[in-house]
Amino acid sequence: MVLADILKRWWVLRGKQALLCTGTDEHGMKVRSYIKTWRETYIERSQDLASRLELTNDHFVRTTDQDHREAVQFAWTRLQERGYIYPGKHEGWYSISDETFYPQSAVHLIVDPPTGRKIMVSMETGTEVNWQSEYNYHFKLSEFREPLLEFYRENPHWVVPQTRMEQVVKAVSEGLQDLSISRPAERLAWGIPVPTDDTQTIYVWLDALTNYITKAGFPWAPGKDSEQGWPADVHIIGKDITRFHCIYWPALLMALGISLPKNIVAHAHWTLGNKKMSKSTGNVVDPFFALDRFGVDVMRFYLAYDGGLAQDADYSNYHIIEKYRKALQGGLGNLTSRIVRGKGWNLRVVVDQCTSRSMPLHTRNEHKLQKEFLDGLPRVVQESMEKELDIRAGLRAIMNLIYETNRYISEMQPWKLVAKPYVASHSKEEPSAELATTVYLTAETLRKVGILLQPFMPNKAAQLLDTLGVDQERRTFDWSQKVDDSYGTSKVEVGRGVEGVLFGPLQSNF
């Protein structure tokens, strides 16, 4: 959810209209077993978590919503009218947890460590499967092997990261079996019934995947799909549901005559103690506790900075504290304090001095390199966010410039260039060109970083820009590539000591 929100905020920063949908899948056998009060509590907690993370989602989809139910049944009817659905007997290894059948080649026998039982499990997800035979409806997935492979060839980077793309191509190349897309209502009544057969319930993944087009207004009048945001620019999913989103979903869309999403990001998982998180074993993290302890901006930063795209990442309070102290408090926070609390210069005077005339900002190689780094940052971050869809790379590029700038200002030591002590906030005296250049290039780094950090840490980025005195209308992406001659007078009290700093001391080291 956080990654999706960062991408949405990024496009808003770029001046584009962006829509973000998230929600809950409430149908299926595993959900049916929960009492209604638990389901409602789960929904409330999901919505509360989205709010606590300050997600800017435009829609929170529930698969029990009436408009979603109507969209799913319309999709079924269209698939049936086009000849892609037929009845028949289905046998296979069924996972209640994954709500899907697996072929023999996709399961194997293991010994369950906690119980010592010999069980069959899915090779892909590790969930237990049992042999089932039943009458239901099938989707002609096998007819889409070649259309899918052709689409993959034409869009070789459709799935990110590339390793996941290669896995998808390999799976489809090896052949596709027709997909069971309904379940007997006597076994599964908690779901959307097949429109023409109330003895059958629509397969949970056909139900759930349709949510992507529900809030885009499906079913559309001919040629009107793009008016409400479809096709999606990107789906963001966990790697364990790649097959459903990258094989089943595009095939269903092709059968419906609907455009495919432009990209799919299948990120890796978070582990805890280098072990898979699991509610059954208690190996989980309480997100509300983490938000209470570290705050929303710190948690958004950590999840984006350390979260794995290709490889799993291990969650740890130690890692959060380490990143807080090095990257945020010691990096960004320290650099900000060095500039806005400097006793040898008035930042507003420096900005005016360096933007109102042709000052030689490249008098030393150190200045030239610093300006090259900060001028190139917006382009680097834009490429990571838009072309590579690598949010972590974008954030790390920003933080790398912060680290480099701290080294730059330590090497230049502008405090030693001050001619005489004076009250900086009141002095109109212009400092030397060398001092002004160092302070200005560092302030420019902070200004651009503050603009680019807004999708990641909206509150702290706003505080940073307020501290620098950047006008609200000059906080767009375009302004990260322009000269701003108006900032330098803080809009907030910068304080003394720990008061007014971006990142104060933590209350605990554990």
Protein backbone atom coordinates (compact mmCIF):
# COMPACT_ATOMS: atom_id res chain seq x y z
CA MET A 1 0.00 0.00 0.00
CA VAL A 2 2.82 2.39 0.85
CA LEU A 3 4.59 1.78 -2.47
CA ALA A 4 1.38 2.43 -4.38
CA ASP A 5 0.77 5.65 -2.45
CA ILE A 6 4.32 6.85 -3.11
CA LEU A 7 3.83 6.32 -6.83
CA LYS A 8 0.49 8.12 -6.78
CA ARG A 9 1.98 11.08 -4.89
CA TRP A 10 4.89 11.10 -7.34
CA TRP A 11 2.58 11.58 -10.32
CA VAL A 12 0.68 14.31 -8.49
CA LEU A 13 4.05 15.97 -7.82
CA ARG A 14 4.67 15.77 -11.56
CA GLY A 15 1.44 17.69 -12.14
CA LYS A 16 -0.59 14.72 -13.39
CA GLN A 17 -3.97 13.44 -12.33
CA ALA A 18 -3.59 10.12 -10.51
CA LEU A 19 -6.05 7.64 -9.02
CA LEU A 20 -5.18 5.07 -6.37
CA CYS A 21 -7.36 2.09 -5.53
CA THR A 22 -6.85 -0.32 -2.66
CA GLY A 23 -9.25 -2.50 -0.72
CA THR A 24 -10.09 -5.93 0.60
CA ASP A 25 -11.05 -9.28 -0.90
CA GLU A 26 -13.91 -10.58 1.25
CA HIS A 27 -14.98 -13.67 -0.65
CA GLY A 28 -13.81 -17.27 -0.63
CA MET A 29 -13.72 -20.35 1.56
CA LYS A 30 -11.17 -19.06 4.05
CA VAL A 31 -13.11 -15.83 4.62
CA ARG A 32 -16.44 -17.64 4.84
CA SER A 33 -15.20 -19.48 7.93
CA TYR A 34 -14.84 -16.20 9.87
CA ILE A 35 -17.82 -14.79 11.72
CA LYS A 36 -19.33 -11.55 10.42
CA THR A 37 -18.10 -9.46 13.34
CA TRP A 38 -14.51 -10.57 12.67
CA ARG A 39 -14.84 -9.69 8.98
CA GLU A 40 -16.12 -6.22 9.79
CA THR A 41 -13.32 -5.73 12.34
CA TYR A 42 -10.80 -6.78 9.70
CA ILE A 43 -12.23 -4.26 7.23
CA GLU A 44 -12.18 -1.49 9.82
CA ARG A 45 -8.56 -2.26 10.72
CA SER A 46 -7.59 -2.27 7.04
CA GLN A 47 -9.22 1.11 6.53
CA ASP A 48 -7.69 2.42 9.75
CA LEU A 49 -4.24 1.25 8.65
CA ALA A 50 -4.66 2.99 5.29
CA SER A 51 -5.56 6.17 7.18
CA ARG A 52 -2.67 5.87 9.64
CA LEU A 53 -0.23 5.43 6.76
CA GLU A 54 -1.74 8.57 5.24
CA LEU A 55 -2.60 6.83 2.00
CA THR A 56 -4.21 9.09 -0.56
CA ASN A 57 -6.35 6.34 -2.07
CA ASP A 58 -9.34 7.55 -4.07
CA HIS A 59 -11.24 4.31 -3.60
CA PHE A 60 -11.33 1.55 -0.98
CA VAL A 61 -12.86 -1.38 -2.82
CA ARG A 62 -14.79 -4.09 -0.98
CA THR A 63 -15.68 -7.11 -3.09
CA THR A 64 -19.04 -7.14 -1.27
CA ASP A 65 -19.92 -3.72 -2.79
CA GLN A 66 -22.96 -3.80 -5.07
CA ASP A 67 -21.21 -2.06 -8.00
CA HIS A 68 -18.43 -4.64 -7.82
CA ARG A 69 -20.90 -7.53 -7.77
CA GLU A 70 -22.59 -6.13 -10.88
CA ALA A 71 -19.26 -5.66 -12.66
CA VAL A 72 -18.18 -9.26 -11.93
CA GLN A 73 -21.46 -10.73 -13.19
CA PHE A 74 -21.28 -8.56 -16.32
CA ALA A 75 -17.73 -9.80 -16.98
CA TRP A 76 -18.90 -13.41 -16.57
CA THR A 77 -21.77 -12.86 -19.01
CA ARG A 78 -19.48 -11.29 -21.61
CA LEU A 79 -16.96 -14.16 -21.31
CA GLN A 80 -19.78 -16.66 -21.70
CA GLU A 81 -21.26 -14.85 -24.71
CA ARG A 82 -17.85 -14.85 -26.39
CA GLY A 83 -17.53 -18.60 -25.94
CA TYR A 84 -14.71 -18.64 -23.38
CA ILE A 85 -16.62 -20.46 -20.63
CA TYR A 86 -17.78 -24.08 -20.65
CA PRO A 87 -19.00 -26.56 -17.97
CA GLY A 88 -17.13 -29.71 -17.01
CA LYS A 89 -15.60 -31.85 -14.30
CA HIS A 90 -12.46 -30.56 -12.63
CA GLU A 91 -9.90 -32.48 -10.58
CA GLY A 92 -6.74 -31.29 -8.96
CA TRP A 93 -4.86 -30.27 -5.84
CA TYR A 94 -6.82 -27.47 -4.18
CA SER A 95 -5.47 -24.89 -1.72
CA ILE A 96 -8.07 -23.24 0.49
CA SER A 97 -5.55 -20.56 1.46
CA ASP A 98 -4.70 -19.68 -2.16
CA GLU A 99 -8.26 -20.33 -3.42
CA THR A 100 -6.92 -22.20 -6.45
CA PHE A 101 -6.27 -25.60 -8.02
CA TYR A 102 -2.70 -26.67 -8.73
CA PRO A 103 -1.58 -29.30 -11.28
CA GLN A 104 0.46 -32.30 -10.14
CA SER A 105 3.64 -30.66 -11.44
CA ALA A 106 3.14 -27.69 -9.07
CA VAL A 107 2.88 -29.60 -5.78
CA HIS A 108 5.15 -31.85 -3.74
CA LEU A 109 5.17 -33.87 -0.52
CA ILE A 110 6.80 -32.44 2.61
CA VAL A 111 6.93 -33.13 6.32
CA ASP A 112 5.21 -30.30 8.21
CA PRO A 113 7.76 -29.17 10.86
CA PRO A 114 5.28 -28.21 13.65
CA THR A 115 3.18 -31.40 13.42
CA GLY A 116 5.38 -34.00 11.73
CA ARG A 117 2.56 -34.74 9.26
CA LYS A 118 3.29 -35.64 5.66
CA ILE A 119 1.34 -33.17 3.51
CA MET A 120 1.12 -32.05 -0.08
CA VAL A 121 1.91 -28.36 -0.57
CA SER A 122 2.11 -25.86 -3.41
CA MET A 123 5.70 -25.35 -4.60
CA GLU A 124 4.86 -21.73 -5.35
CA THR A 125 3.31 -20.62 -2.04
CA GLY A 126 4.04 -23.44 0.42
CA THR A 127 0.35 -23.79 1.38
CA GLU A 128 -1.28 -27.17 2.02
CA VAL A 129 -3.34 -28.69 -0.81
CA ASN A 130 -5.88 -31.52 -0.92
CA TRP A 131 -7.18 -33.57 -3.84
CA GLN A 132 -10.64 -32.48 -5.00
CA SER A 133 -12.98 -33.45 -7.80
CA GLU A 134 -16.03 -31.36 -8.66
CA TYR A 135 -18.30 -30.08 -11.41
CA ASN A 136 -17.82 -26.43 -12.30
CA TYR A 137 -17.22 -23.96 -15.12
CA HIS A 138 -13.93 -23.47 -16.93
CA PHE A 139 -12.26 -20.57 -18.71
CA LYS A 140 -10.39 -21.41 -21.94
CA LEU A 141 -7.04 -20.22 -20.64
CA SER A 142 -5.16 -22.63 -22.90
CA GLU A 143 -6.26 -20.59 -25.96
CA PHE A 144 -4.26 -17.60 -24.70
CA ARG A 145 -0.79 -19.15 -24.59
CA GLU A 146 0.31 -17.60 -27.89
CA PRO A 147 -1.46 -14.23 -27.43
CA LEU A 148 0.19 -13.91 -24.01
CA LEU A 149 3.63 -14.83 -25.30
CA GLU A 150 3.25 -12.34 -28.15
CA PHE A 151 2.28 -9.64 -25.65
CA TYR A 152 5.31 -10.48 -23.47
CA ARG A 153 7.60 -10.26 -26.51
CA GLU A 154 6.19 -6.86 -27.40
CA ASN A 155 6.41 -5.70 -23.76
CA PRO A 156 9.56 -7.38 -22.39
CA HIS A 157 9.62 -5.19 -19.27
CA TRP A 158 5.92 -5.45 -18.45
CA VAL A 159 6.60 -7.15 -15.13
CA VAL A 160 9.12 -5.62 -12.73
CA PRO A 161 11.63 -6.89 -11.67
CA GLN A 162 12.97 -8.68 -14.73
CA THR A 163 13.45 -11.97 -12.88
CA ARG A 164 9.70 -12.15 -12.29
CA MET A 165 9.06 -11.34 -15.97
CA GLU A 166 11.27 -14.25 -16.97
CA GLN A 167 9.40 -16.58 -14.60
CA VAL A 168 6.07 -15.60 -16.10
CA VAL A 169 7.29 -16.15 -19.67
CA LYS A 170 8.71 -19.54 -18.70
CA ALA A 171 5.46 -20.64 -17.04
CA VAL A 172 3.34 -19.71 -20.07
CA SER A 173 5.84 -21.19 -22.53
CA GLU A 174 5.53 -24.56 -20.80
CA GLY A 175 1.80 -24.61 -21.54
CA LEU A 176 -1.47 -23.53 -19.96
CA GLN A 177 -4.40 -25.59 -18.74
CA ASP A 178 -7.96 -24.31 -18.78
CA LEU A 179 -8.86 -22.56 -15.54
CA SER A 180 -11.64 -23.61 -13.17
CA ILE A 181 -13.57 -20.37 -12.57
CA SER A 182 -16.46 -21.45 -10.33
CA ARG A 183 -17.08 -23.52 -7.23
CA PRO A 184 -20.19 -25.47 -6.19
CA ALA A 185 -22.40 -23.19 -4.09
CA GLU A 186 -23.02 -26.04 -1.66
CA ARG A 187 -19.31 -25.86 -0.81
CA LEU A 188 -18.83 -22.14 -1.30
CA ALA A 189 -21.85 -19.88 -0.91
CA TRP A 190 -19.85 -16.86 0.32
CA GLY A 191 -19.24 -15.10 -2.97
CA ILE A 192 -20.93 -13.85 -6.13
CA PRO A 193 -23.23 -16.39 -7.80
CA VAL A 194 -22.89 -17.31 -11.46
CA PRO A 195 -25.58 -15.21 -13.24
CA THR A 196 -27.16 -18.14 -15.07
CA ASP A 197 -26.55 -20.91 -12.52
CA ASP A 198 -27.18 -20.31 -8.83
CA THR A 199 -25.68 -23.69 -7.97
CA GLN A 200 -22.25 -22.23 -8.73
CA THR A 201 -20.24 -19.40 -7.16
CA ILE A 202 -17.77 -17.36 -9.23
CA TYR A 203 -14.10 -18.18 -8.61
CA VAL A 204 -12.63 -15.85 -6.04
CA TRP A 205 -9.75 -14.67 -8.26
CA LEU A 206 -12.06 -13.76 -11.17
CA ASP A 207 -14.08 -11.88 -8.57
CA ALA A 208 -11.09 -10.18 -6.91
CA LEU A 209 -9.20 -9.23 -10.07
CA THR A 210 -12.23 -7.47 -11.50
CA ASN A 211 -11.96 -4.88 -8.70
CA TYR A 212 -9.24 -3.17 -10.76
CA ILE A 213 -11.79 -2.16 -13.40
CA THR A 214 -14.79 -1.73 -11.08
CA LYS A 215 -13.75 1.71 -9.88
CA ALA A 216 -12.71 2.69 -13.41
CA GLY A 217 -16.42 2.48 -14.27
CA PHE A 218 -16.64 -0.99 -15.83
CA PRO A 219 -18.81 -1.92 -17.66
CA TRP A 220 -18.14 0.94 -20.03
CA ALA A 221 -19.93 2.25 -23.04
CA PRO A 222 -17.88 1.43 -26.21
CA GLY A 223 -14.69 3.50 -26.35
CA LYS A 224 -15.25 5.12 -22.94
CA ASP A 225 -12.85 3.03 -20.82
CA SER A 226 -9.97 5.54 -20.90
CA GLU A 227 -12.21 8.38 -19.68
CA GLN A 228 -12.15 6.97 -16.15
CA GLY A 229 -8.49 6.01 -15.91
CA TRP A 230 -8.19 2.62 -17.61
CA PRO A 231 -5.81 1.07 -18.47
CA ALA A 232 -4.00 1.33 -15.15
CA ASP A 233 -0.44 2.59 -15.34
CA VAL A 234 0.66 0.01 -12.79
CA HIS A 235 -0.55 -2.76 -10.49
CA ILE A 236 1.56 -3.25 -7.36
CA ILE A 237 1.40 -6.79 -5.96
CA GLY A 238 3.34 -9.26 -3.84
CA LYS A 239 5.47 -11.83 -5.65
CA ASP A 240 3.31 -14.73 -4.40
CA ILE A 241 0.34 -13.71 -6.58
CA THR A 242 2.30 -13.10 -9.79
CA ARG A 243 0.62 -15.97 -11.66
CA PHE A 244 -2.87 -14.62 -11.01
CA HIS A 245 -1.99 -11.06 -12.09
CA CYS A 246 0.47 -11.74 -14.90
CA ILE A 247 -1.12 -14.80 -16.55
CA TYR A 248 -4.78 -15.18 -15.56
CA TRP A 249 -5.62 -11.46 -15.44
CA PRO A 250 -4.20 -10.46 -18.85
CA ALA A 251 -5.83 -13.53 -20.44
CA LEU A 252 -9.20 -12.59 -18.94
CA LEU A 253 -8.81 -9.00 -20.14
CA MET A 254 -7.91 -10.19 -23.64
CA ALA A 255 -11.02 -12.37 -23.64
CA LEU A 256 -13.13 -9.40 -22.52
CA GLY A 257 -11.61 -7.13 -25.17
CA ILE A 258 -10.19 -4.78 -22.55
CA SER A 259 -6.76 -3.12 -22.60
CA LEU A 260 -4.11 -4.57 -20.28
CA PRO A 261 -2.47 -2.59 -17.46
CA LYS A 262 0.73 -0.91 -18.61
CA ASN A 263 2.99 -2.44 -15.94
CA ILE A 264 2.96 -4.77 -12.97
CA VAL A 265 5.38 -4.43 -10.05
CA ALA A 266 5.72 -7.73 -8.17
CA HIS A 267 7.72 -6.85 -5.09
CA ALA A 268 9.47 -9.25 -2.74
CA HIS A 269 8.33 -10.02 0.80
CA TRP A 270 9.25 -8.82 4.27
CA THR A 271 10.59 -11.50 6.59
CA LEU A 272 11.02 -11.37 10.36
CA GLY A 273 14.10 -12.98 11.85
CA ASN A 274 14.85 -14.12 8.28
CA LYS A 275 11.72 -16.28 8.42
CA LYS A 276 8.45 -15.89 6.53
CA MET A 277 5.90 -13.84 8.43
CA SER A 278 2.98 -16.00 9.54
CA LYS A 279 -0.01 -15.28 11.74
CA SER A 280 -0.31 -18.97 12.65
CA THR A 281 3.19 -19.03 14.16
CA GLY A 282 3.00 -15.53 15.61
CA ASN A 283 5.94 -14.37 13.48
CA VAL A 284 4.38 -11.02 12.57
CA VAL A 285 4.75 -7.27 13.11
CA ASP A 286 1.97 -5.08 14.48
CA PRO A 287 1.95 -2.11 12.05
CA PHE A 288 -0.03 0.07 14.46
CA PHE A 289 2.56 -0.40 17.20
CA ALA A 290 5.36 0.46 14.77
CA LEU A 291 3.52 3.61 13.64
CA ASP A 292 2.95 4.65 17.25
CA ARG A 293 6.61 4.18 18.07
CA PHE A 294 8.40 5.62 15.05
CA GLY A 295 5.78 7.79 13.33
CA VAL A 296 4.26 7.55 9.87
CA ASP A 297 7.02 9.33 7.92
CA VAL A 298 9.81 7.24 9.43
CA MET A 299 7.93 4.01 8.68
CA ARG A 300 7.15 5.08 5.11
CA PHE A 301 10.84 5.91 4.66
CA TYR A 302 12.00 2.59 6.08
CA LEU A 303 9.58 0.48 4.05
CA ALA A 304 10.60 2.26 0.83
CA TYR A 305 14.33 2.40 1.59
CA ASP A 306 14.84 -1.18 2.76
CA GLY A 307 11.93 -2.98 1.09
CA GLY A 308 13.07 -5.51 -1.49
CA LEU A 309 11.97 -5.53 -5.11
CA ALA A 310 13.77 -8.65 -6.32
CA GLN A 311 14.95 -10.08 -2.97
CA ASP A 312 13.15 -10.36 0.37
CA ALA A 313 14.04 -7.88 3.11
CA ASP A 314 14.21 -8.65 6.81
CA TYR A 315 12.19 -6.38 9.10
CA SER A 316 13.98 -5.27 12.27
CA ASN A 317 13.57 -2.48 14.83
CA TYR A 318 17.37 -2.36 14.90
CA HIS A 319 17.40 -1.56 11.18
CA ILE A 320 14.74 1.13 11.61
CA ILE A 321 16.74 2.81 14.38
CA GLU A 322 19.95 2.50 12.38
CA LYS A 323 18.35 4.15 9.34
CA TYR A 324 16.78 6.82 11.53
CA ARG A 325 20.09 7.78 13.11
CA LYS A 326 22.28 7.60 10.02
CA ALA A 327 20.01 8.66 7.18
CA LEU A 328 17.39 10.88 8.79
CA GLN A 329 18.78 12.34 11.99
CA GLY A 330 22.47 12.32 11.14
CA GLY A 331 22.05 12.86 7.40
CA LEU A 332 19.07 14.98 6.37
CA GLY A 333 18.34 16.50 9.79
CA ASN A 334 21.97 17.39 10.54
CA LEU A 335 22.48 18.98 7.11
CA THR A 336 19.35 21.09 7.52
CA SER A 337 20.42 22.35 10.93
CA ARG A 338 23.89 23.22 9.61
CA ILE A 339 22.36 25.54 7.01
CA VAL A 340 19.33 27.12 8.65
CA ARG A 341 21.02 27.54 12.03
CA GLY A 342 24.34 28.77 10.70
CA LYS A 343 25.62 31.68 12.80
CA GLY A 344 27.79 33.17 10.08
CA TRP A 345 25.27 33.86 7.34
CA ASN A 346 21.72 34.90 6.57
CA LEU A 347 20.25 32.31 4.22
CA ARG A 348 17.89 34.77 2.56
CA VAL A 349 20.80 37.12 1.80
CA VAL A 350 22.84 34.21 0.41
CA VAL A 351 19.99 33.04 -1.88
CA ASP A 352 19.47 36.56 -3.17
CA GLN A 353 23.21 37.06 -3.60
CA CYS A 354 23.63 33.87 -5.62
CA THR A 355 20.51 34.20 -7.81
CA SER A 356 20.36 37.92 -8.52
CA ARG A 357 23.67 38.15 -10.36
CA SER A 358 26.07 35.94 -12.29
CA MET A 359 28.11 34.56 -9.45
CA PRO A 360 30.91 32.14 -10.38
CA LEU A 361 29.54 29.02 -8.63
CA HIS A 362 32.24 26.78 -10.10
CA THR A 363 35.33 28.53 -8.73
CA ARG A 364 36.51 25.28 -7.19
CA ASN A 365 36.17 21.73 -8.39
CA GLU A 366 34.24 20.81 -5.21
CA HIS A 367 31.57 23.40 -6.07
CA LYS A 368 31.37 22.23 -9.67
CA LEU A 369 30.86 18.59 -8.66
CA GLN A 370 28.24 19.50 -6.07
CA LYS A 371 26.25 21.51 -8.60
CA GLU A 372 26.45 18.68 -11.13
CA PHE A 373 25.14 16.22 -8.52
CA LEU A 374 22.20 18.36 -7.44
CA ASP A 375 21.28 19.43 -10.98
CA GLY A 376 21.18 15.79 -12.08
CA LEU A 377 19.14 14.52 -9.13
CA PRO A 378 15.61 15.20 -10.48
CA ARG A 379 16.35 13.34 -13.70
CA VAL A 380 17.86 10.35 -11.85
CA VAL A 381 14.90 10.08 -9.49
CA GLN A 382 12.41 10.50 -12.34
CA GLU A 383 14.00 7.67 -14.29
CA SER A 384 13.90 5.37 -11.25
CA MET A 385 10.27 6.17 -10.48
CA GLU A 386 8.84 6.21 -14.00
CA LYS A 387 11.00 4.10 -16.29
CA GLU A 388 12.36 1.51 -13.89
CA LEU A 389 9.44 1.59 -11.39
CA ASP A 390 12.07 1.13 -8.70
CA ILE A 391 10.92 3.23 -5.76
CA ARG A 392 13.78 2.16 -3.54
CA ALA A 393 16.33 3.26 -6.15
CA GLY A 394 14.67 6.66 -6.38
CA LEU A 395 14.77 7.18 -2.61
CA ARG A 396 18.34 5.95 -2.34
CA ALA A 397 19.45 8.37 -5.04
CA ILE A 398 18.02 11.20 -2.95
CA MET A 399 19.72 10.02 0.22
CA ASN A 400 23.05 9.45 -1.54
CA LEU A 401 23.09 13.13 -2.45
CA ILE A 402 22.41 14.00 1.20
CA TYR A 403 25.40 11.92 2.29
CA GLU A 404 27.60 13.50 -0.38
CA THR A 405 26.47 16.99 0.58
CA ASN A 406 27.31 16.40 4.23
CA ARG A 407 30.79 15.42 3.11
CA TYR A 408 30.94 18.47 0.85
CA ILE A 409 30.04 20.97 3.56
CA SER A 410 32.38 19.29 6.06
CA GLU A 411 35.21 19.61 3.58
CA MET A 412 34.40 23.25 2.68
CA GLN A 413 33.86 24.29 6.35
CA PRO A 414 31.93 27.51 5.61
CA TRP A 415 31.89 28.42 9.31
CA LYS A 416 35.62 29.05 9.08
CA LEU A 417 35.08 31.52 6.23
CA VAL A 418 32.96 33.89 8.31
CA ALA A 419 34.73 37.26 8.49
CA LYS A 420 33.32 38.27 11.85
CA PRO A 421 30.60 37.10 14.18
CA TYR A 422 27.19 38.75 13.68
CA VAL A 423 23.50 38.01 14.24
CA ALA A 424 22.82 36.20 10.99
CA SER A 425 19.04 36.52 11.03
CA HIS A 426 19.26 40.33 11.08
CA SER A 427 22.40 41.00 9.06
CA LYS A 428 22.07 42.21 5.48
CA GLU A 429 25.82 41.98 4.94
CA GLU A 430 26.79 39.74 2.04
CA PRO A 431 29.28 37.02 2.90
CA SER A 432 32.29 36.26 0.71
CA ALA A 433 31.68 34.58 -2.63
CA GLU A 434 33.30 31.37 -1.40
CA LEU A 435 31.13 31.22 1.71
CA ALA A 436 27.98 32.16 -0.20
CA THR A 437 28.59 29.53 -2.85
CA THR A 438 29.03 26.73 -0.29
CA VAL A 439 25.93 27.69 1.69
CA TYR A 440 23.82 28.24 -1.42
CA LEU A 441 24.70 24.93 -3.09
CA THR A 442 23.95 23.11 0.17
CA ALA A 443 20.64 24.95 0.57
CA GLU A 444 19.77 24.17 -3.05
CA THR A 445 20.42 20.50 -2.35
CA LEU A 446 18.02 20.63 0.60
CA ARG A 447 15.38 22.46 -1.43
CA LYS A 448 15.46 19.93 -4.27
CA VAL A 449 15.60 17.02 -1.85
CA GLY A 450 12.63 18.45 0.06
CA ILE A 451 10.59 18.65 -3.14
CA LEU A 452 11.51 15.11 -4.25
CA LEU A 453 10.92 13.59 -0.80
CA GLN A 454 7.27 14.69 -0.68
CA PRO A 455 5.87 11.39 -2.05
CA PHE A 456 7.94 9.41 0.47
CA MET A 457 7.68 11.49 3.66
CA PRO A 458 4.95 14.08 3.11
CA ASN A 459 5.04 15.58 6.62
CA LYS A 460 8.81 15.79 7.08
CA ALA A 461 9.30 17.04 3.53
CA ALA A 462 6.76 19.80 4.21
CA GLN A 463 8.57 20.68 7.45
CA LEU A 464 11.90 20.84 5.61
CA LEU A 465 10.50 23.10 2.89
CA ASP A 466 8.81 25.29 5.52
CA THR A 467 12.11 25.56 7.35
CA LEU A 468 13.82 26.69 4.16
CA GLY A 469 10.99 29.11 3.44
CA VAL A 470 9.95 27.58 0.11
CA ASP A 471 6.60 28.92 -1.11
CA GLN A 472 3.78 26.38 -1.39
CA GLU A 473 3.29 26.90 -5.13
CA ARG A 474 7.00 26.29 -5.73
CA ARG A 475 7.04 22.72 -4.43
CA THR A 476 6.21 20.89 -7.67
CA PHE A 477 8.59 18.66 -9.61
CA ASP A 478 9.11 21.41 -12.18
CA TRP A 479 10.56 23.63 -9.46
CA SER A 480 13.16 20.98 -8.64
CA GLN A 481 14.59 21.81 -12.08
CA LYS A 482 14.29 25.57 -11.81
CA VAL A 483 16.10 28.32 -9.91
CA ASP A 484 14.01 29.57 -6.97
CA ASP A 485 15.12 33.03 -5.89
CA SER A 486 12.43 33.55 -3.26
CA TYR A 487 13.26 31.18 -0.38
CA GLY A 488 15.60 31.60 2.56
CA THR A 489 13.29 33.05 5.24
CA SER A 490 11.96 30.22 7.41
CA LYS A 491 8.21 29.92 7.77
CA VAL A 492 8.60 28.13 11.13
CA GLU A 493 10.62 28.66 14.29
CA VAL A 494 13.94 26.85 13.78
CA GLY A 495 14.48 26.65 17.55
CA ARG A 496 17.59 25.80 19.48
CA GLY A 497 18.97 22.45 20.62
CA VAL A 498 16.51 19.67 19.80
CA GLU A 499 13.64 22.12 19.43
CA GLY A 500 12.53 22.59 15.84
CA VAL A 501 14.86 19.95 14.39
CA LEU A 502 13.56 17.66 11.67
CA PHE A 503 14.39 14.47 13.54
CA GLY A 504 14.68 14.58 17.30
CA PRO A 505 16.24 11.95 19.58
CA LEU A 506 14.54 8.56 19.87
CA GLN A 507 13.09 7.62 23.23
CA SER A 508 14.39 4.07 23.04
CA ASN A 509 17.32 2.23 21.45
CA PHE A 510 15.46 -1.06 21.22
